[in-house]
PDB file of all heavy atoms in Angstrom:
ATOM      1  N   LEU A   1      12.235 -69.560 143.520  1.00  0.00           N
ATOM      2  CA  LEU A   1      13.236 -70.526 143.076  1.00  0.00           C
ATOM      3  C   LEU A   1      14.493 -70.355 143.918  1.00  0.00           C
ATOM      4  O   LEU A   1      15.033 -69.252 144.044  1.00  0.00           O
ATOM      5  CB  LEU A   1      13.576 -70.308 141.595  1.00  0.00           C
ATOM      6  CG  LEU A   1      12.399 -70.325 140.619  1.00  0.00           C
ATOM      7  CD1 LEU A   1      12.894 -70.048 139.196  1.00  0.00           C
ATOM      8  CD2 LEU A   1      11.703 -71.663 140.654  1.00  0.00           C
ATOM      9  N   ARG A   2      14.948 -71.433 144.501  1.00  0.00           N
ATOM     10  CA  ARG A   2      16.187 -71.391 145.272  1.00  0.00           C
ATOM     11  C   ARG A   2      17.387 -71.477 144.337  1.00  0.00           C
ATOM     12  O   ARG A   2      17.332 -72.139 143.296  1.00  0.00           O
ATOM     13  CB  ARG A   2      16.267 -72.574 146.248  1.00  0.00           C
ATOM     14  CG  ARG A   2      15.164 -72.652 147.299  1.00  0.00           C
ATOM     15  CD  ARG A   2      15.393 -73.901 148.118  1.00  0.00           C
ATOM     16  NE  ARG A   2      14.305 -74.205 149.028  1.00  0.00           N
ATOM     17  CZ  ARG A   2      14.294 -73.902 150.314  1.00  0.00           C
ATOM     18  NH1 ARG A   2      15.310 -73.250 150.829  1.00  0.00           N
ATOM     19  NH2 ARG A   2      13.275 -74.236 151.076  1.00  0.00           N
ATOM     20  N   TYR A   3      18.481 -70.852 144.746  1.00  0.00           N
ATOM     21  CA  TYR A   3      19.794 -71.047 144.120  1.00  0.00           C
ATOM     22  C   TYR A   3      19.827 -70.642 142.653  1.00  0.00           C
ATOM     23  O   TYR A   3      20.627 -71.164 141.886  1.00  0.00           O
ATOM     24  CB  TYR A   3      20.248 -72.517 144.247  1.00  0.00           C
ATOM     25  CG  TYR A   3      19.954 -73.131 145.585  1.00  0.00           C
ATOM     26  CD1 TYR A   3      19.292 -74.349 145.678  1.00  0.00           C
ATOM     27  CD2 TYR A   3      20.333 -72.479 146.767  1.00  0.00           C
ATOM     28  CE1 TYR A   3      19.012 -74.913 146.912  1.00  0.00           C
ATOM     29  CE2 TYR A   3      20.056 -73.041 147.997  1.00  0.00           C
ATOM     30  CZ  TYR A   3      19.397 -74.248 148.067  1.00  0.00           C
ATOM     31  OH  TYR A   3      19.115 -74.802 149.286  1.00  0.00           O
ATOM     32  N   ARG A   4      18.960 -69.738 142.234  1.00  0.00           N
ATOM     33  CA  ARG A   4      18.978 -69.293 140.843  1.00  0.00           C
ATOM     34  C   ARG A   4      18.955 -67.767 140.801  1.00  0.00           C
ATOM     35  O   ARG A   4      18.224 -67.133 141.549  1.00  0.00           O
ATOM     36  CB  ARG A   4      17.765 -69.834 140.066  1.00  0.00           C
ATOM     37  CG  ARG A   4      17.767 -71.343 139.871  1.00  0.00           C
ATOM     38  CD  ARG A   4      18.991 -71.797 139.082  1.00  0.00           C
ATOM     39  NE  ARG A   4      19.063 -71.178 137.768  1.00  0.00           N
ATOM     40  CZ  ARG A   4      18.554 -71.731 136.662  1.00  0.00           C
ATOM     41  NH1 ARG A   4      17.931 -72.893 136.731  1.00  0.00           N
ATOM     42  NH2 ARG A   4      18.674 -71.132 135.507  1.00  0.00           N
ATOM     43  N   GLU A   5      19.769 -67.205 139.903  1.00  0.00           N
ATOM     44  CA  GLU A   5      19.767 -65.756 139.722  1.00  0.00           C
ATOM     45  C   GLU A   5      18.651 -65.410 138.748  1.00  0.00           C
ATOM     46  O   GLU A   5      18.862 -65.199 137.560  1.00  0.00           O
ATOM     47  CB  GLU A   5      21.120 -65.280 139.208  1.00  0.00           C
ATOM     48  CG  GLU A   5      22.240 -65.464 140.217  1.00  0.00           C
ATOM     49  CD  GLU A   5      23.536 -64.824 139.751  1.00  0.00           C
ATOM     50  OE1 GLU A   5      23.484 -64.005 138.813  1.00  0.00           O
ATOM     51  OE2 GLU A   5      24.580 -65.137 140.309  1.00  0.00           O
ATOM     52  N   THR A   6      17.456 -65.354 139.259  1.00  0.00           N
ATOM     53  CA  THR A   6      16.289 -65.082 138.433  1.00  0.00           C
ATOM     54  C   THR A   6      15.270 -64.316 139.255  1.00  0.00           C
ATOM     55  O   THR A   6      15.220 -64.446 140.472  1.00  0.00           O
ATOM     56  CB  THR A   6      15.657 -66.382 137.905  1.00  0.00           C
ATOM     57  OG1 THR A   6      14.458 -66.065 137.198  1.00  0.00           O
ATOM     58  CG2 THR A   6      15.314 -67.329 139.031  1.00  0.00           C
ATOM     59  N   ASP A   7      14.493 -63.499 138.581  1.00  0.00           N
ATOM     60  CA  ASP A   7      13.433 -62.750 139.243  1.00  0.00           C
ATOM     61  C   ASP A   7      12.065 -63.364 138.967  1.00  0.00           C
ATOM     62  O   ASP A   7      11.043 -62.693 139.092  1.00  0.00           O
ATOM     63  CB  ASP A   7      13.443 -61.286 138.767  1.00  0.00           C
ATOM     64  CG  ASP A   7      14.659 -60.540 139.281  1.00  0.00           C
ATOM     65  OD1 ASP A   7      15.082 -60.837 140.412  1.00  0.00           O
ATOM     66  OD2 ASP A   7      15.183 -59.679 138.559  1.00  0.00           O
ATOM     67  N   SER A   8      12.051 -64.619 138.585  1.00  0.00           N
ATOM     68  CA  SER A   8      10.781 -65.275 138.279  1.00  0.00           C
ATOM     69  C   SER A   8       9.916 -65.379 139.533  1.00  0.00           C
ATOM     70  O   SER A   8      10.413 -65.663 140.629  1.00  0.00           O
ATOM     71  CB  SER A   8      11.028 -66.670 137.708  1.00  0.00           C
ATOM     72  OG  SER A   8      11.636 -66.571 136.433  1.00  0.00           O
ATOM     73  N   HIS A   9       8.639 -65.134 139.352  1.00  0.00           N
ATOM     74  CA  HIS A   9       7.663 -65.282 140.417  1.00  0.00           C
ATOM     75  C   HIS A   9       6.645 -66.324 139.980  1.00  0.00           C
ATOM     76  O   HIS A   9       6.115 -66.261 138.873  1.00  0.00           O
ATOM     77  CB  HIS A   9       6.939 -63.962 140.690  1.00  0.00           C
ATOM     78  CG  HIS A   9       7.841 -62.859 141.141  1.00  0.00           C
ATOM     79  ND1 HIS A   9       8.721 -62.211 140.293  1.00  0.00           N
ATOM     80  CD2 HIS A   9       7.988 -62.281 142.364  1.00  0.00           C
ATOM     81  CE1 HIS A   9       9.370 -61.279 140.978  1.00  0.00           C
ATOM     82  NE2 HIS A   9       8.940 -61.303 142.232  1.00  0.00           N
ATOM     83  N   ILE A  10       6.363 -67.283 140.837  1.00  0.00           N
ATOM     84  CA  ILE A  10       5.376 -68.327 140.543  1.00  0.00           C
ATOM     85  C   ILE A  10       4.262 -68.218 141.580  1.00  0.00           C
ATOM     86  O   ILE A  10       4.527 -68.104 142.785  1.00  0.00           O
ATOM     87  CB  ILE A  10       6.012 -69.732 140.581  1.00  0.00           C
ATOM     88  CG1 ILE A  10       7.175 -69.819 139.599  1.00  0.00           C
ATOM     89  CG2 ILE A  10       4.966 -70.803 140.258  1.00  0.00           C
ATOM     90  CD1 ILE A  10       7.994 -71.085 139.718  1.00  0.00           C
ATOM     91  N   TYR A  11       3.032 -68.253 141.097  1.00  0.00           N
ATOM     92  CA  TYR A  11       1.880 -68.149 141.975  1.00  0.00           C
ATOM     93  C   TYR A  11       0.948 -69.328 141.702  1.00  0.00           C
ATOM     94  O   TYR A  11       0.467 -69.492 140.582  1.00  0.00           O
ATOM     95  CB  TYR A  11       1.121 -66.839 141.735  1.00  0.00           C
ATOM     96  CG  TYR A  11       1.988 -65.603 141.854  1.00  0.00           C
ATOM     97  CD1 TYR A  11       2.640 -65.090 140.738  1.00  0.00           C
ATOM     98  CD2 TYR A  11       2.171 -64.969 143.075  1.00  0.00           C
ATOM     99  CE1 TYR A  11       3.442 -63.968 140.834  1.00  0.00           C
ATOM    100  CE2 TYR A  11       2.973 -63.840 143.192  1.00  0.00           C
ATOM    101  CZ  TYR A  11       3.610 -63.350 142.056  1.00  0.00           C
ATOM    102  OH  TYR A  11       4.417 -62.238 142.161  1.00  0.00           O
ATOM    103  N   GLN A  12       0.743 -70.158 142.716  1.00  0.00           N
ATOM    104  CA  GLN A  12      -0.222 -71.257 142.614  1.00  0.00           C
ATOM    105  C   GLN A  12      -1.531 -70.784 143.242  1.00  0.00           C
ATOM    106  O   GLN A  12      -1.617 -70.560 144.450  1.00  0.00           O
ATOM    107  CB  GLN A  12       0.281 -72.503 143.330  1.00  0.00           C
ATOM    108  CG  GLN A  12      -0.751 -73.620 143.465  1.00  0.00           C
ATOM    109  CD  GLN A  12      -1.133 -74.243 142.135  1.00  0.00           C
ATOM    110  OE1 GLN A  12      -0.317 -74.891 141.480  1.00  0.00           O
ATOM    111  NE2 GLN A  12      -2.369 -74.036 141.712  1.00  0.00           N
ATOM    112  N   ILE A  13      -2.567 -70.623 142.388  1.00  0.00           N
ATOM    113  CA  ILE A  13      -3.867 -70.152 142.845  1.00  0.00           C
ATOM    114  C   ILE A  13      -4.882 -71.253 142.581  1.00  0.00           C
ATOM    115  O   ILE A  13      -5.132 -71.620 141.431  1.00  0.00           O
ATOM    116  CB  ILE A  13      -4.276 -68.852 142.112  1.00  0.00           C
ATOM    117  CG1 ILE A  13      -3.199 -67.779 142.307  1.00  0.00           C
ATOM    118  CG2 ILE A  13      -5.633 -68.376 142.595  1.00  0.00           C
ATOM    119  CD1 ILE A  13      -3.419 -66.535 141.473  1.00  0.00           C
ATOM    120  N   THR A  14      -5.442 -71.789 143.627  1.00  0.00           N
ATOM    121  CA  THR A  14      -6.394 -72.902 143.527  1.00  0.00           C
ATOM    122  C   THR A  14      -7.744 -72.459 144.059  1.00  0.00           C
ATOM    123  O   THR A  14      -7.834 -71.934 145.171  1.00  0.00           O
ATOM    124  CB  THR A  14      -5.887 -74.119 144.322  1.00  0.00           C
ATOM    125  OG1 THR A  14      -4.590 -74.494 143.825  1.00  0.00           O
ATOM    126  CG2 THR A  14      -6.841 -75.296 144.182  1.00  0.00           C
ATOM    127  N   CYS A  15      -8.770 -72.667 143.246  1.00  0.00           N
ATOM    128  CA  CYS A  15     -10.130 -72.328 143.666  1.00  0.00           C
ATOM    129  C   CYS A  15     -11.063 -73.472 143.293  1.00  0.00           C
ATOM    130  O   CYS A  15     -11.221 -73.801 142.121  1.00  0.00           O
ATOM    131  CB  CYS A  15     -10.602 -71.036 143.006  1.00  0.00           C
ATOM    132  SG  CYS A  15     -12.236 -70.518 143.561  1.00  0.00           S
ATOM    133  N   SER A  16     -11.684 -74.083 144.302  1.00  0.00           N
ATOM    134  CA  SER A  16     -12.548 -75.239 144.057  1.00  0.00           C
ATOM    135  C   SER A  16     -13.417 -75.439 145.296  1.00  0.00           C
ATOM    136  O   SER A  16     -12.922 -75.327 146.427  1.00  0.00           O
ATOM    137  CB  SER A  16     -11.679 -76.470 143.811  1.00  0.00           C
ATOM    138  OG  SER A  16     -12.434 -77.626 143.622  1.00  0.00           O
ATOM    139  N   GLY A  17     -14.709 -75.739 145.094  1.00  0.00           N
ATOM    140  CA  GLY A  17     -15.365 -75.823 143.836  1.00  0.00           C
ATOM    141  C   GLY A  17     -16.432 -74.735 143.720  1.00  0.00           C
ATOM    142  O   GLY A  17     -16.837 -74.112 144.703  1.00  0.00           O
ATOM    143  N   ILE A  18     -16.917 -74.585 142.500  1.00  0.00           N
ATOM    144  CA  ILE A  18     -17.981 -73.623 142.241  1.00  0.00           C
ATOM    145  C   ILE A  18     -19.230 -74.001 143.042  1.00  0.00           C
ATOM    146  O   ILE A  18     -19.905 -73.143 143.600  1.00  0.00           O
ATOM    147  CB  ILE A  18     -18.283 -73.572 140.733  1.00  0.00           C
ATOM    148  CG1 ILE A  18     -17.080 -72.987 139.983  1.00  0.00           C
ATOM    149  CG2 ILE A  18     -19.537 -72.756 140.450  1.00  0.00           C
ATOM    150  CD1 ILE A  18     -17.230 -72.994 138.484  1.00  0.00           C
ATOM    151  N   LYS A  19     -19.512 -75.290 143.089  1.00  0.00           N
ATOM    152  CA  LYS A  19     -20.622 -75.789 143.922  1.00  0.00           C
ATOM    153  C   LYS A  19     -20.206 -77.137 144.507  1.00  0.00           C
ATOM    154  O   LYS A  19     -20.721 -78.185 144.133  1.00  0.00           O
ATOM    155  CB  LYS A  19     -21.907 -75.914 143.096  1.00  0.00           C
ATOM    156  CG  LYS A  19     -23.186 -76.073 143.940  1.00  0.00           C
ATOM    157  CD  LYS A  19     -24.423 -76.121 143.075  1.00  0.00           C
ATOM    158  CE  LYS A  19     -25.696 -76.113 143.905  1.00  0.00           C
ATOM    159  NZ  LYS A  19     -25.782 -77.218 144.867  1.00  0.00           N
ATOM    160  N   ASN A  20     -19.265 -77.091 145.406  1.00  0.00           N
ATOM    161  CA  ASN A  20     -18.761 -78.298 146.057  1.00  0.00           C
ATOM    162  C   ASN A  20     -17.838 -77.891 147.193  1.00  0.00           C
ATOM    163  O   ASN A  20     -17.269 -76.796 147.179  1.00  0.00           O
ATOM    164  CB  ASN A  20     -18.010 -79.198 145.065  1.00  0.00           C
ATOM    165  CG  ASN A  20     -18.272 -80.667 145.328  1.00  0.00           C
ATOM    166  OD1 ASN A  20     -18.536 -81.071 146.448  1.00  0.00           O
ATOM    167  ND2 ASN A  20     -18.205 -81.474 144.284  1.00  0.00           N
ATOM    168  N   GLU A  21     -17.671 -78.770 148.163  1.00  0.00           N
ATOM    169  CA  GLU A  21     -16.793 -78.516 149.300  1.00  0.00           C
ATOM    170  C   GLU A  21     -16.174 -79.826 149.765  1.00  0.00           C
ATOM    171  O   GLU A  21     -16.684 -80.907 149.464  1.00  0.00           O
ATOM    172  CB  GLU A  21     -17.574 -77.849 150.450  1.00  0.00           C
ATOM    173  CG  GLU A  21     -18.094 -76.464 150.116  1.00  0.00           C
ATOM    174  CD  GLU A  21     -19.017 -75.900 151.184  1.00  0.00           C
ATOM    175  OE1 GLU A  21     -19.362 -76.657 152.127  1.00  0.00           O
ATOM    176  OE2 GLU A  21     -19.396 -74.725 151.080  1.00  0.00           O
ATOM    177  N   PHE A  22     -15.072 -79.712 150.512  1.00  0.00           N
ATOM    178  CA  PHE A  22     -14.376 -80.870 151.067  1.00  0.00           C
ATOM    179  C   PHE A  22     -15.039 -81.254 152.395  1.00  0.00           C
ATOM    180  O   PHE A  22     -15.491 -80.387 153.139  1.00  0.00           O
ATOM    181  CB  PHE A  22     -12.910 -80.518 151.296  1.00  0.00           C
ATOM    182  CG  PHE A  22     -11.999 -81.709 151.418  1.00  0.00           C
ATOM    183  CD1 PHE A  22     -11.365 -82.230 150.308  1.00  0.00           C
ATOM    184  CD2 PHE A  22     -11.762 -82.310 152.658  1.00  0.00           C
ATOM    185  CE1 PHE A  22     -10.508 -83.322 150.421  1.00  0.00           C
ATOM    186  CE2 PHE A  22     -10.917 -83.397 152.784  1.00  0.00           C
ATOM    187  CZ  PHE A  22     -10.291 -83.906 151.652  1.00  0.00           C
ATOM    188  N   PRO A  23     -15.115 -82.548 152.699  1.00  0.00           N
ATOM    189  CA  PRO A  23     -15.739 -82.956 153.969  1.00  0.00           C
ATOM    190  C   PRO A  23     -15.013 -82.376 155.181  1.00  0.00           C
ATOM    191  O   PRO A  23     -13.788 -82.363 155.238  1.00  0.00           O
ATOM    192  CB  PRO A  23     -15.624 -84.489 153.935  1.00  0.00           C
ATOM    193  CG  PRO A  23     -15.447 -84.844 152.502  1.00  0.00           C
ATOM    194  CD  PRO A  23     -14.701 -83.711 151.882  1.00  0.00           C
ATOM    195  N   GLU A  24     -15.777 -81.877 156.104  1.00  0.00           N
ATOM    196  CA  GLU A  24     -15.237 -81.417 157.389  1.00  0.00           C
ATOM    197  C   GLU A  24     -15.659 -82.406 158.478  1.00  0.00           C
ATOM    198  O   GLU A  24     -16.683 -83.058 158.346  1.00  0.00           O
ATOM    199  CB  GLU A  24     -15.770 -80.014 157.721  1.00  0.00           C
ATOM    200  CG  GLU A  24     -15.105 -78.889 156.952  1.00  0.00           C
ATOM    201  CD  GLU A  24     -13.674 -78.600 157.414  1.00  0.00           C
ATOM    202  OE1 GLU A  24     -13.130 -79.381 158.229  1.00  0.00           O
ATOM    203  OE2 GLU A  24     -13.107 -77.610 156.927  1.00  0.00           O
TER     204      GLU A  24
END
């Protein structure tokens, strides 16, 4: 977080798919 006196940590974890993939 910018410009805030905070120690918050945010983690975006994306996992997809279990049996699927994006076209290459």
